[in-house]
PDB file of N, CA and C in Angstrom:
ATOM      1  N   MET A   1     -15.204  20.973 -22.639  1.00  0.00           N
ATOM      2  CA  MET A   1     -15.931  19.800 -22.516  1.00  0.00           C
ATOM      3  C   MET A   1     -17.430  20.270 -22.333  1.00  0.00           C
ATOM      4  N   ASN A   2     -18.448  19.616 -22.846  1.00  0.00           N
ATOM      5  CA  ASN A   2     -19.799  19.799 -22.645  1.00  0.00           C
ATOM      6  C   ASN A   2     -20.160  19.746 -21.227  1.00  0.00           C
ATOM      7  N   ASP A   3     -21.179  20.548 -20.847  1.00  0.00           N
ATOM      8  CA  ASP A   3     -21.625  20.585 -19.495  1.00  0.00           C
ATOM      9  C   ASP A   3     -22.144  19.270 -19.068  1.00  0.00           C
ATOM     10  N   TRP A   4     -22.840  18.495 -19.969  1.00  0.00           N
ATOM     11  CA  TRP A   4     -23.476  17.169 -19.663  1.00  0.00           C
ATOM     12  C   TRP A   4     -22.455  16.172 -19.399  1.00  0.00           C
ATOM     13  N   LYS A   5     -21.333  16.262 -20.101  1.00  0.00           N
ATOM     14  CA  LYS A   5     -20.406  15.188 -19.957  1.00  0.00           C
ATOM     15  C   LYS A   5     -19.717  15.316 -18.516  1.00  0.00           C
ATOM     16  N   LYS A   6     -19.737  16.483 -17.968  1.00  0.00           N
ATOM     17  CA  LYS A   6     -19.120  16.570 -16.635  1.00  0.00           C
ATOM     18  C   LYS A   6     -20.024  15.889 -15.448  1.00  0.00           C
ATOM     19  N   ARG A   7     -21.261  15.784 -15.782  1.00  0.00           N
ATOM     20  CA  ARG A   7     -22.327  15.278 -14.813  1.00  0.00           C
ATOM     21  C   ARG A   7     -22.262  13.789 -14.821  1.00  0.00           C
ATOM     22  N   LEU A   8     -21.495  13.270 -14.039  1.00  0.00           N
ATOM     23  CA  LEU A   8     -21.545  11.691 -13.921  1.00  0.00           C
ATOM     24  C   LEU A   8     -22.586  11.214 -12.973  1.00  0.00           C
ATOM     25  N   ASP A   9     -23.212  10.190 -13.321  1.00  0.00           N
ATOM     26  CA  ASP A   9     -24.268   9.610 -12.431  1.00  0.00           C
ATOM     27  C   ASP A   9     -25.493  10.368 -12.217  1.00  0.00           C
ATOM     28  N   ILE A  10     -25.641  11.627 -12.905  1.00  0.00           N
ATOM     29  CA  ILE A  10     -26.874  12.369 -12.849  1.00  0.00           C
ATOM     30  C   ILE A  10     -27.437  12.467 -14.260  1.00  0.00           C
ATOM     31  N   VAL A  11     -28.618  11.914 -14.384  1.00  0.00           N
ATOM     32  CA  VAL A  11     -29.331  11.898 -15.624  1.00  0.00           C
ATOM     33  C   VAL A  11     -30.317  13.116 -15.664  1.00  0.00           C
ATOM     34  N   TYR A  12     -31.260  13.177 -14.752  1.00  0.00           N
ATOM     35  CA  TYR A  12     -32.272  14.256 -14.661  1.00  0.00           C
ATOM     36  C   TYR A  12     -32.717  14.353 -13.325  1.00  0.00           C
ATOM     37  N   SER A  13     -33.083  15.738 -12.997  1.00  0.00           N
ATOM     38  CA  SER A  13     -33.542  15.991 -11.694  1.00  0.00           C
ATOM     39  C   SER A  13     -34.927  16.906 -11.862  1.00  0.00           C
ATOM     40  N   THR A  14     -35.851  16.418 -11.183  1.00  0.00           N
ATOM     41  CA  THR A  14     -37.210  17.269 -11.098  1.00  0.00           C
ATOM     42  C   THR A  14     -37.191  18.425 -10.124  1.00  0.00           C
ATOM     43  N   ASN A  15     -36.194  18.562  -9.365  1.00  0.00           N
ATOM     44  CA  ASN A  15     -36.100  19.563  -8.401  1.00  0.00           C
ATOM     45  C   ASN A  15     -35.712  20.867  -9.066  1.00  0.00           C
ATOM     46  N   PRO A  16     -36.438  21.859  -9.154  1.00  0.00           N
ATOM     47  CA  PRO A  16     -36.164  23.112  -9.832  1.00  0.00           C
ATOM     48  C   PRO A  16     -35.050  23.934  -9.173  1.00  0.00           C
ATOM     49  N   ASP A  17     -34.678  23.582  -7.912  1.00  0.00           N
ATOM     50  CA  ASP A  17     -33.784  24.392  -7.239  1.00  0.00           C
ATOM     51  C   ASP A  17     -32.439  23.487  -7.154  1.00  0.00           C
ATOM     52  N   TYR A  18     -32.288  22.368  -7.929  1.00  0.00           N
ATOM     53  CA  TYR A  18     -31.194  21.477  -7.790  1.00  0.00           C
ATOM     54  C   TYR A  18     -30.050  22.119  -8.604  1.00  0.00           C
ATOM     55  N   HIS A  19     -28.768  22.105  -8.022  1.00  0.00           N
ATOM     56  CA  HIS A  19     -27.603  22.606  -8.663  1.00  0.00           C
ATOM     57  C   HIS A  19     -26.590  21.438  -8.610  1.00  0.00           C
ATOM     58  N   TYR A  20     -25.990  20.954  -9.657  1.00  0.00           N
ATOM     59  CA  TYR A  20     -24.928  19.951  -9.697  1.00  0.00           C
ATOM     60  C   TYR A  20     -23.791  20.421  -8.973  1.00  0.00           C
ATOM     61  N   ASP A  21     -23.276  19.574  -8.121  1.00  0.00           N
ATOM     62  CA  ASP A  21     -22.086  19.869  -7.414  1.00  0.00           C
ATOM     63  C   ASP A  21     -20.860  19.300  -8.110  1.00  0.00           C
ATOM     64  N   GLU A  22     -19.962  20.182  -8.697  1.00  0.00           N
ATOM     65  CA  GLU A  22     -18.801  19.722  -9.395  1.00  0.00           C
ATOM     66  C   GLU A  22     -17.565  19.654  -8.605  1.00  0.00           C
ATOM     67  N   ASP A  23     -17.681  19.768  -7.268  1.00  0.00           N
ATOM     68  CA  ASP A  23     -16.489  19.806  -6.390  1.00  0.00           C
ATOM     69  C   ASP A  23     -15.627  18.516  -6.566  1.00  0.00           C
ATOM     70  N   GLY A  24     -16.365  17.351  -6.701  1.00  0.00           N
ATOM     71  CA  GLY A  24     -15.724  15.990  -6.693  1.00  0.00           C
ATOM     72  C   GLY A  24     -14.967  15.721  -8.002  1.00  0.00           C
ATOM     73  N   CYS A  25     -15.233  16.651  -9.049  1.00  0.00           N
ATOM     74  CA  CYS A  25     -14.671  16.388 -10.394  1.00  0.00           C
ATOM     75  C   CYS A  25     -13.455  17.378 -10.649  1.00  0.00           C
ATOM     76  N   SER A  26     -12.817  17.770  -9.651  1.00  0.00           N
ATOM     77  CA  SER A  26     -11.694  18.737  -9.797  1.00  0.00           C
ATOM     78  C   SER A  26     -10.406  18.019 -10.331  1.00  0.00           C
ATOM     79  N   GLU A  27      -9.672  18.675 -11.221  1.00  0.00           N
ATOM     80  CA  GLU A  27      -8.489  18.090 -11.686  1.00  0.00           C
ATOM     81  C   GLU A  27      -7.367  18.153 -10.699  1.00  0.00           C
ATOM     82  N   THR A  28      -6.466  17.214 -10.774  1.00  0.00           N
ATOM     83  CA  THR A  28      -5.371  17.371  -9.693  1.00  0.00           C
ATOM     84  C   THR A  28      -4.324  18.438 -10.349  1.00  0.00           C
ATOM     85  N   GLU A  29      -3.549  18.898  -9.397  1.00  0.00           N
ATOM     86  CA  GLU A  29      -2.535  19.807  -9.786  1.00  0.00           C
ATOM     87  C   GLU A  29      -1.205  19.088 -10.124  1.00  0.00           C
ATOM     88  N   THR A  30      -0.729  19.613 -11.238  1.00  0.00           N
ATOM     89  CA  THR A  30       0.458  18.887 -11.870  1.00  0.00           C
ATOM     90  C   THR A  30       1.660  19.208 -10.964  1.00  0.00           C
ATOM     91  N   LEU A  31       2.455  18.152 -10.680  1.00  0.00           N
ATOM     92  CA  LEU A  31       3.690  18.349  -9.927  1.00  0.00           C
ATOM     93  C   LEU A  31       4.715  18.998 -10.838  1.00  0.00           C
ATOM     94  N   SER A  32       5.774  19.592 -10.276  1.00  0.00           N
ATOM     95  CA  SER A  32       6.820  20.165 -10.999  1.00  0.00           C
ATOM     96  C   SER A  32       7.683  19.159 -11.815  1.00  0.00           C
ATOM     97  N   LYS A  33       8.314  19.466 -12.667  1.00  0.00           N
ATOM     98  CA  LYS A  33       9.148  18.465 -13.535  1.00  0.00           C
ATOM     99  C   LYS A  33       9.984  17.797 -12.693  1.00  0.00           C
ATOM    100  N   GLU A  34      10.700  18.442 -11.721  1.00  0.00           N
ATOM    101  CA  GLU A  34      11.733  17.808 -10.884  1.00  0.00           C
ATOM    102  C   GLU A  34      11.137  16.717  -9.963  1.00  0.00           C
ATOM    103  N   LYS A  35       9.778  16.818  -9.594  1.00  0.00           N
ATOM    104  CA  LYS A  35       9.216  15.852  -8.660  1.00  0.00           C
ATOM    105  C   LYS A  35       8.478  14.810  -9.450  1.00  0.00           C
ATOM    106  N   GLN A  36       8.484  14.872 -10.682  1.00  0.00           N
ATOM    107  CA  GLN A  36       7.691  13.809 -11.460  1.00  0.00           C
ATOM    108  C   GLN A  36       8.546  12.459 -11.441  1.00  0.00           C
ATOM    109  N   PRO A  37       8.085  11.378 -10.900  1.00  0.00           N
ATOM    110  CA  PRO A  37       8.806  10.033 -10.944  1.00  0.00           C
ATOM    111  C   PRO A  37       8.409   9.272 -12.202  1.00  0.00           C
ATOM    112  N   LEU A  38       8.789   9.637 -13.272  1.00  0.00           N
ATOM    113  CA  LEU A  38       8.348   8.871 -14.603  1.00  0.00           C
ATOM    114  C   LEU A  38       9.106   7.648 -14.752  1.00  0.00           C
ATOM    115  N   ARG A  39       8.438   6.607 -15.126  1.00  0.00           N
ATOM    116  CA  ARG A  39       9.059   5.255 -15.390  1.00  0.00           C
ATOM    117  C   ARG A  39       8.840   4.945 -16.869  1.00  0.00           C
ATOM    118  N   ILE A  40       9.963   4.613 -17.486  1.00  0.00           N
ATOM    119  CA  ILE A  40       9.935   4.273 -18.939  1.00  0.00           C
ATOM    120  C   ILE A  40      10.121   2.662 -19.182  1.00  0.00           C
ATOM    121  N   SER A  41       9.197   2.080 -19.828  1.00  0.00           N
ATOM    122  CA  SER A  41       9.341   0.764 -20.030  1.00  0.00           C
ATOM    123  C   SER A  41       8.966   0.263 -21.406  1.00  0.00           C
ATOM    124  N   LEU A  42       9.311  -0.918 -21.824  1.00  0.00           N
ATOM    125  CA  LEU A  42       9.009  -1.498 -23.039  1.00  0.00           C
ATOM    126  C   LEU A  42       7.704  -2.405 -22.807  1.00  0.00           C
ATOM    127  N   ASP A  43       6.817  -2.325 -23.708  1.00  0.00           N
ATOM    128  CA  ASP A  43       5.546  -3.137 -23.577  1.00  0.00           C
ATOM    129  C   ASP A  43       5.195  -3.681 -24.930  1.00  0.00           C
ATOM    130  N   LYS A  44       4.876  -5.096 -24.901  1.00  0.00           N
ATOM    131  CA  LYS A  44       4.508  -5.708 -26.174  1.00  0.00           C
ATOM    132  C   LYS A  44       3.168  -6.479 -25.917  1.00  0.00           C
ATOM    133  N   ARG A  45       2.632  -6.428 -24.696  1.00  0.00           N
ATOM    134  CA  ARG A  45       1.321  -7.073 -24.435  1.00  0.00           C
ATOM    135  C   ARG A  45       0.167  -6.425 -25.223  1.00  0.00           C
ATOM    136  N   ASN A  46      -0.649  -7.319 -25.672  1.00  0.00           N
ATOM    137  CA  ASN A  46      -1.962  -6.771 -26.356  1.00  0.00           C
ATOM    138  C   ASN A  46      -1.677  -5.878 -27.481  1.00  0.00           C
ATOM    139  N   ARG A  47      -0.618  -5.897 -28.098  1.00  0.00           N
ATOM    140  CA  ARG A  47      -0.219  -5.068 -29.170  1.00  0.00           C
ATOM    141  C   ARG A  47       0.229  -5.844 -30.404  1.00  0.00           C
ATOM    142  N   LYS A  48      -0.231  -7.072 -30.564  1.00  0.00           N
ATOM    143  CA  LYS A  48       0.003  -7.901 -31.690  1.00  0.00           C
ATOM    144  C   LYS A  48       1.478  -8.050 -31.950  1.00  0.00           C
ATOM    145  N   GLY A  49       2.361  -8.093 -30.932  1.00  0.00           N
ATOM    146  CA  GLY A  49       3.785  -8.277 -30.999  1.00  0.00           C
ATOM    147  C   GLY A  49       4.568  -7.100 -31.192  1.00  0.00           C
ATOM    148  N   LYS A  50       3.940  -5.856 -31.539  1.00  0.00           N
ATOM    149  CA  LYS A  50       4.695  -4.727 -31.805  1.00  0.00           C
ATOM    150  C   LYS A  50       5.059  -4.079 -30.446  1.00  0.00           C
ATOM    151  N   ALA A  51       6.369  -3.585 -30.370  1.00  0.00           N
ATOM    152  CA  ALA A  51       6.822  -2.963 -29.235  1.00  0.00           C
ATOM    153  C   ALA A  51       6.403  -1.417 -29.035  1.00  0.00           C
ATOM    154  N   VAL A  52       6.171  -1.096 -27.887  1.00  0.00           N
ATOM    155  CA  VAL A  52       5.849   0.407 -27.626  1.00  0.00           C
ATOM    156  C   VAL A  52       6.647   0.807 -26.470  1.00  0.00           C
ATOM    157  N   THR A  53       7.031   1.950 -26.335  1.00  0.00           N
ATOM    158  CA  THR A  53       7.654   2.610 -25.271  1.00  0.00           C
ATOM    159  C   THR A  53       6.595   3.197 -24.371  1.00  0.00           C
ATOM    160  N   LEU A  54       6.502   2.797 -23.069  1.00  0.00           N
ATOM    161  CA  LEU A  54       5.371   3.238 -22.201  1.00  0.00           C
ATOM    162  C   LEU A  54       6.003   4.095 -21.096  1.00  0.00           C
ATOM    163  N   VAL A  55       5.447   5.288 -20.926  1.00  0.00           N
ATOM    164  CA  VAL A  55       5.870   6.307 -19.949  1.00  0.00           C
ATOM    165  C   VAL A  55       4.744   6.390 -18.844  1.00  0.00           C
ATOM    166  N   THR A  56       5.010   5.926 -17.633  1.00  0.00           N
ATOM    167  CA  THR A  56       4.037   5.995 -16.582  1.00  0.00           C
ATOM    168  C   THR A  56       4.582   6.794 -15.411  1.00  0.00           C
ATOM    169  N   GLY A  57       3.536   6.985 -14.483  1.00  0.00           N
ATOM    170  CA  GLY A  57       4.003   7.654 -13.260  1.00  0.00           C
ATOM    171  C   GLY A  57       3.613   9.240 -13.317  1.00  0.00           C
ATOM    172  N   PHE A  58       3.062   9.676 -14.289  1.00  0.00           N
ATOM    173  CA  PHE A  58       2.764  11.107 -14.361  1.00  0.00           C
ATOM    174  C   PHE A  58       1.637  11.411 -13.549  1.00  0.00           C
ATOM    175  N   SER A  59       1.714  12.472 -12.760  1.00  0.00           N
ATOM    176  CA  SER A  59       0.510  12.879 -11.889  1.00  0.00           C
ATOM    177  C   SER A  59       0.369  14.363 -12.113  1.00  0.00           C
ATOM    178  N   GLY A  60      -0.924  14.529 -12.547  1.00  0.00           N
ATOM    179  CA  GLY A  60      -1.286  15.974 -12.847  1.00  0.00           C
ATOM    180  C   GLY A  60      -2.540  16.035 -13.860  1.00  0.00           C
ATOM    181  N   ALA A  61      -2.670  17.242 -14.357  1.00  0.00           N
ATOM    182  CA  ALA A  61      -3.815  17.568 -15.314  1.00  0.00           C
ATOM    183  C   ALA A  61      -3.536  16.718 -16.612  1.00  0.00           C
ATOM    184  N   ASP A  62      -4.810  16.438 -17.066  1.00  0.00           N
ATOM    185  CA  ASP A  62      -4.831  15.785 -18.411  1.00  0.00           C
ATOM    186  C   ASP A  62      -4.188  16.497 -19.478  1.00  0.00           C
ATOM    187  N   ALA A  63      -4.420  17.740 -19.508  1.00  0.00           N
ATOM    188  CA  ALA A  63      -3.962  18.758 -20.495  1.00  0.00           C
ATOM    189  C   ALA A  63      -2.375  18.715 -20.463  1.00  0.00           C
ATOM    190  N   ASP A  64      -1.722  18.645 -19.263  1.00  0.00           N
ATOM    191  CA  ASP A  64      -0.290  18.655 -19.250  1.00  0.00           C
ATOM    192  C   ASP A  64       0.288  17.249 -19.719  1.00  0.00           C
ATOM    193  N   LEU A  65      -0.542  16.214 -19.485  1.00  0.00           N
ATOM    194  CA  LEU A  65      -0.113  14.827 -19.913  1.00  0.00           C
ATOM    195  C   LEU A  65      -0.140  14.838 -21.509  1.00  0.00           C
ATOM    196  N   GLN A  66      -1.178  15.501 -22.012  1.00  0.00           N
ATOM    197  CA  GLN A  66      -1.300  15.478 -23.538  1.00  0.00           C
ATOM    198  C   GLN A  66      -0.113  16.252 -24.087  1.00  0.00           C
ATOM    199  N   GLU A  67       0.166  17.423 -23.456  1.00  0.00           N
ATOM    200  CA  GLU A  67       1.201  18.229 -24.017  1.00  0.00           C
ATOM    201  C   GLU A  67       2.591  17.509 -23.828  1.00  0.00           C
ATOM    202  N   LEU A  68       2.889  16.786 -22.779  1.00  0.00           N
ATOM    203  CA  LEU A  68       4.105  16.128 -22.759  1.00  0.00           C
ATOM    204  C   LEU A  68       4.099  14.983 -23.817  1.00  0.00           C
ATOM    205  N   GLY A  69       3.045  14.246 -23.933  1.00  0.00           N
ATOM    206  CA  GLY A  69       2.909  13.198 -24.873  1.00  0.00           C
ATOM    207  C   GLY A  69       3.209  13.666 -26.414  1.00  0.00           C
ATOM    208  N   LYS A  70       2.650  14.789 -26.687  1.00  0.00           N
ATOM    209  CA  LYS A  70       2.784  15.398 -28.027  1.00  0.00           C
ATOM    210  C   LYS A  70       4.245  15.761 -28.302  1.00  0.00           C
ATOM    211  N   MET A  71       4.956  16.297 -27.247  1.00  0.00           N
ATOM    212  CA  MET A  71       6.207  16.758 -27.324  1.00  0.00           C
ATOM    213  C   MET A  71       7.266  15.460 -27.509  1.00  0.00           C
ATOM    214  N   LEU A  72       6.910  14.439 -26.823  1.00  0.00           N
ATOM    215  CA  LEU A  72       7.693  13.153 -26.985  1.00  0.00           C
ATOM    216  C   LEU A  72       7.584  12.618 -28.415  1.00  0.00           C
ATOM    217  N   LYS A  73       6.264  12.565 -28.864  1.00  0.00           N
ATOM    218  CA  LYS A  73       5.977  11.891 -30.137  1.00  0.00           C
ATOM    219  C   LYS A  73       6.675  12.741 -31.373  1.00  0.00           C
ATOM    220  N   VAL A  74       6.608  14.036 -31.153  1.00  0.00           N
ATOM    221  CA  VAL A  74       7.231  14.950 -32.161  1.00  0.00           C
ATOM    222  C   VAL A  74       8.711  14.876 -32.264  1.00  0.00           C
ATOM    223  N   LYS A  75       9.355  14.865 -30.967  1.00  0.00           N
ATOM    224  CA  LYS A  75      10.897  14.731 -30.943  1.00  0.00           C
ATOM    225  C   LYS A  75      11.322  13.283 -31.322  1.00  0.00           C
ATOM    226  N   CYS A  76      10.494  12.370 -31.113  1.00  0.00           N
ATOM    227  CA  CYS A  76      10.902  10.993 -31.620  1.00  0.00           C
ATOM    228  C   CYS A  76      10.483  10.648 -32.986  1.00  0.00           C
ATOM    229  N   GLY A  77       9.581  11.588 -33.517  1.00  0.00           N
ATOM    230  CA  GLY A  77       9.244  11.265 -34.870  1.00  0.00           C
ATOM    231  C   GLY A  77       8.326  10.073 -35.171  1.00  0.00           C
ATOM    232  N   VAL A  78       7.579   9.813 -34.213  1.00  0.00           N
ATOM    233  CA  VAL A  78       6.665   8.610 -34.247  1.00  0.00           C
ATOM    234  C   VAL A  78       5.286   8.962 -33.684  1.00  0.00           C
ATOM    235  N   GLY A  79       4.433   7.892 -33.784  1.00  0.00           N
ATOM    236  CA  GLY A  79       3.015   8.075 -33.347  1.00  0.00           C
ATOM    237  C   GLY A  79       2.863   7.621 -31.907  1.00  0.00           C
ATOM    238  N   GLY A  80       1.696   7.724 -31.383  1.00  0.00           N
ATOM    239  CA  GLY A  80       1.425   7.238 -30.059  1.00  0.00           C
ATOM    240  C   GLY A  80       0.205   7.867 -29.501  1.00  0.00           C
ATOM    241  N   SER A  81       0.031   7.795 -28.192  1.00  0.00           N
ATOM    242  CA  SER A  81      -1.187   8.379 -27.493  1.00  0.00           C
ATOM    243  C   SER A  81      -0.754   8.709 -26.047  1.00  0.00           C
ATOM    244  N   ALA A  82      -1.651   9.631 -25.490  1.00  0.00           N
ATOM    245  CA  ALA A  82      -1.449   9.922 -24.065  1.00  0.00           C
ATOM    246  C   ALA A  82      -2.721   9.975 -23.389  1.00  0.00           C
ATOM    247  N   LYS A  83      -3.057   8.968 -22.515  1.00  0.00           N
ATOM    248  CA  LYS A  83      -4.221   8.956 -21.709  1.00  0.00           C
ATOM    249  C   LYS A  83      -4.181   8.130 -20.527  1.00  0.00           C
ATOM    250  N   GLU A  84      -5.169   8.515 -19.559  1.00  0.00           N
ATOM    251  CA  GLU A  84      -5.097   7.817 -18.321  1.00  0.00           C
ATOM    252  C   GLU A  84      -3.800   7.654 -17.563  1.00  0.00           C
ATOM    253  N   GLY A  85      -3.054   8.748 -17.595  1.00  0.00           N
ATOM    254  CA  GLY A  85      -1.724   8.809 -16.953  1.00  0.00           C
ATOM    255  C   GLY A  85      -0.639   8.081 -17.587  1.00  0.00           C
ATOM    256  N   GLU A  86      -0.859   7.533 -18.743  1.00  0.00           N
ATOM    257  CA  GLU A  86       0.290   6.943 -19.571  1.00  0.00           C
ATOM    258  C   GLU A  86       0.514   7.601 -20.902  1.00  0.00           C
ATOM    259  N   ILE A  87       1.767   7.528 -21.346  1.00  0.00           N
ATOM    260  CA  ILE A  87       2.142   8.080 -22.540  1.00  0.00           C
ATOM    261  C   ILE A  87       2.636   6.727 -23.416  1.00  0.00           C
ATOM    262  N   ILE A  88       2.118   6.535 -24.482  1.00  0.00           N
ATOM    263  CA  ILE A  88       2.514   5.431 -25.333  1.00  0.00           C
ATOM    264  C   ILE A  88       3.239   6.046 -26.718  1.00  0.00           C
ATOM    265  N   VAL A  89       4.540   5.703 -26.874  1.00  0.00           N
ATOM    266  CA  VAL A  89       5.264   6.103 -28.028  1.00  0.00           C
ATOM    267  C   VAL A  89       5.674   4.882 -28.816  1.00  0.00           C
ATOM    268  N   GLN A  90       5.248   4.942 -30.093  1.00  0.00           N
ATOM    269  CA  GLN A  90       5.522   3.631 -30.859  1.00  0.00           C
ATOM    270  C   GLN A  90       6.951   3.347 -31.108  1.00  0.00           C
ATOM    271  N   GLY A  91       7.312   2.154 -30.832  1.00  0.00           N
ATOM    272  CA  GLY A  91       8.665   1.618 -31.073  1.00  0.00           C
ATOM    273  C   GLY A  91       9.408   1.493 -29.735  1.00  0.00           C
ATOM    274  N   ASP A  92      10.519   0.903 -29.811  1.00  0.00           N
ATOM    275  CA  ASP A  92      11.461   0.714 -28.741  1.00  0.00           C
ATOM    276  C   ASP A  92      12.436   1.979 -28.662  1.00  0.00           C
ATOM    277  N   LEU A  93      11.958   2.978 -28.005  1.00  0.00           N
ATOM    278  CA  LEU A  93      12.781   4.170 -27.895  1.00  0.00           C
ATOM    279  C   LEU A  93      12.987   4.665 -26.508  1.00  0.00           C
ATOM    280  N   ARG A  94      13.366   3.741 -25.693  1.00  0.00           N
ATOM    281  CA  ARG A  94      13.505   3.946 -24.288  1.00  0.00           C
ATOM    282  C   ARG A  94      14.606   4.927 -24.011  1.00  0.00           C
ATOM    283  N   ASP A  95      15.762   4.738 -24.572  1.00  0.00           N
ATOM    284  CA  ASP A  95      16.923   5.483 -24.337  1.00  0.00           C
ATOM    285  C   ASP A  95      16.646   6.995 -24.843  1.00  0.00           C
ATOM    286  N   LYS A  96      15.926   7.141 -26.095  1.00  0.00           N
ATOM    287  CA  LYS A  96      15.746   8.478 -26.602  1.00  0.00           C
ATOM    288  C   LYS A  96      14.875   9.148 -25.678  1.00  0.00           C
ATOM    289  N   VAL A  97      13.815   8.502 -25.197  1.00  0.00           N
ATOM    290  CA  VAL A  97      12.730   9.118 -24.495  1.00  0.00           C
ATOM    291  C   VAL A  97      13.306   9.640 -23.179  1.00  0.00           C
ATOM    292  N   LEU A  98      14.199   8.733 -22.513  1.00  0.00           N
ATOM    293  CA  LEU A  98      14.906   9.195 -21.289  1.00  0.00           C
ATOM    294  C   LEU A  98      15.807  10.370 -21.491  1.00  0.00           C
ATOM    295  N   GLN A  99      16.522  10.503 -22.590  1.00  0.00           N
ATOM    296  CA  GLN A  99      17.402  11.580 -22.848  1.00  0.00           C
ATOM    297  C   GLN A  99      16.511  12.983 -23.020  1.00  0.00           C
ATOM    298  N   ILE A 100      15.349  12.680 -23.822  1.00  0.00           N
ATOM    299  CA  ILE A 100      14.519  13.955 -23.998  1.00  0.00           C
ATOM    300  C   ILE A 100      13.925  14.377 -22.606  1.00  0.00           C
ATOM    301  N   LEU A 101      13.423  13.450 -21.930  1.00  0.00           N
ATOM    302  CA  LEU A 101      12.823  13.790 -20.630  1.00  0.00           C
ATOM    303  C   LEU A 101      13.799  14.614 -19.538  1.00  0.00           C
ATOM    304  N   GLN A 102      15.147  13.974 -19.690  1.00  0.00           N
ATOM    305  CA  GLN A 102      16.053  14.537 -18.837  1.00  0.00           C
ATOM    306  C   GLN A 102      16.515  15.982 -19.285  1.00  0.00           C
ATOM    307  N   LYS A 103      16.588  16.120 -20.542  1.00  0.00           N
ATOM    308  CA  LYS A 103      16.821  17.470 -21.155  1.00  0.00           C
ATOM    309  C   LYS A 103      15.732  18.512 -20.747  1.00  0.00           C
ATOM    310  N   GLU A 104      14.513  17.959 -20.783  1.00  0.00           N
ATOM    311  CA  GLU A 104      13.396  18.899 -20.346  1.00  0.00           C
ATOM    312  C   GLU A 104      13.245  19.114 -18.997  1.00  0.00           C
ATOM    313  N   GLY A 105      14.078  18.520 -18.151  1.00  0.00           N
ATOM    314  CA  GLY A 105      14.011  18.736 -16.596  1.00  0.00           C
ATOM    315  C   GLY A 105      13.345  17.691 -15.821  1.00  0.00           C
ATOM    316  N   TYR A 106      12.936  16.572 -16.351  1.00  0.00           N
ATOM    317  CA  TYR A 106      12.406  15.556 -15.597  1.00  0.00           C
ATOM    318  C   TYR A 106      13.462  14.615 -14.952  1.00  0.00           C
ATOM    319  N   ALA A 107      14.078  15.141 -13.831  1.00  0.00           N
ATOM    320  CA  ALA A 107      15.287  14.421 -13.225  1.00  0.00           C
ATOM    321  C   ALA A 107      15.083  13.017 -12.776  1.00  0.00           C
ATOM    322  N   LYS A 108      13.839  12.791 -12.254  1.00  0.00           N
ATOM    323  CA  LYS A 108      13.470  11.564 -11.611  1.00  0.00           C
ATOM    324  C   LYS A 108      13.096  10.383 -12.611  1.00  0.00           C
ATOM    325  N   SER A 109      13.307  10.648 -13.930  1.00  0.00           N
ATOM    326  CA  SER A 109      12.863   9.662 -14.909  1.00  0.00           C
ATOM    327  C   SER A 109      13.966   8.615 -14.939  1.00  0.00           C
ATOM    328  N   ARG A 110      13.332   7.321 -15.105  1.00  0.00           N
ATOM    329  CA  ARG A 110      14.227   6.299 -15.044  1.00  0.00           C
ATOM    330  C   ARG A 110      13.571   5.115 -15.953  1.00  0.00           C
ATOM    331  N   ILE A 111      14.567   4.145 -16.517  1.00  0.00           N
ATOM    332  CA  ILE A 111      14.027   3.031 -17.347  1.00  0.00           C
ATOM    333  C   ILE A 111      13.959   1.903 -16.512  1.00  0.00           C
ATOM    334  N   ILE A 112      12.821   1.241 -16.433  1.00  0.00           N
ATOM    335  CA  ILE A 112      12.641  -0.055 -15.677  1.00  0.00           C
ATOM    336  C   ILE A 112      12.452  -1.278 -16.481  1.00  0.00           C
TER     337      ILE A 112
END
């Protein structure tokens, strides 16, 4: 990521000794697979009537979320996205996603 994208709310400083403090922008540590309480649901809102499987409850680094989302999309053979703590898998694949997550070690996963 570019250095300037990390600097939220700071545009320019005239102070030559100013150093941007990045402590507030640290990523959260990803919980282990056994402790992730993932919830799987069906969502049709704001999607022009098309159903998607929504996986929520992931807590951790964005890179780990992207990796899990990619694995789910590949194993289901469909498209989707992973952002802001949610994984969207196209289609009603709740049972298949649950089976995949349980095989991968996400024991607390459940369909709501």
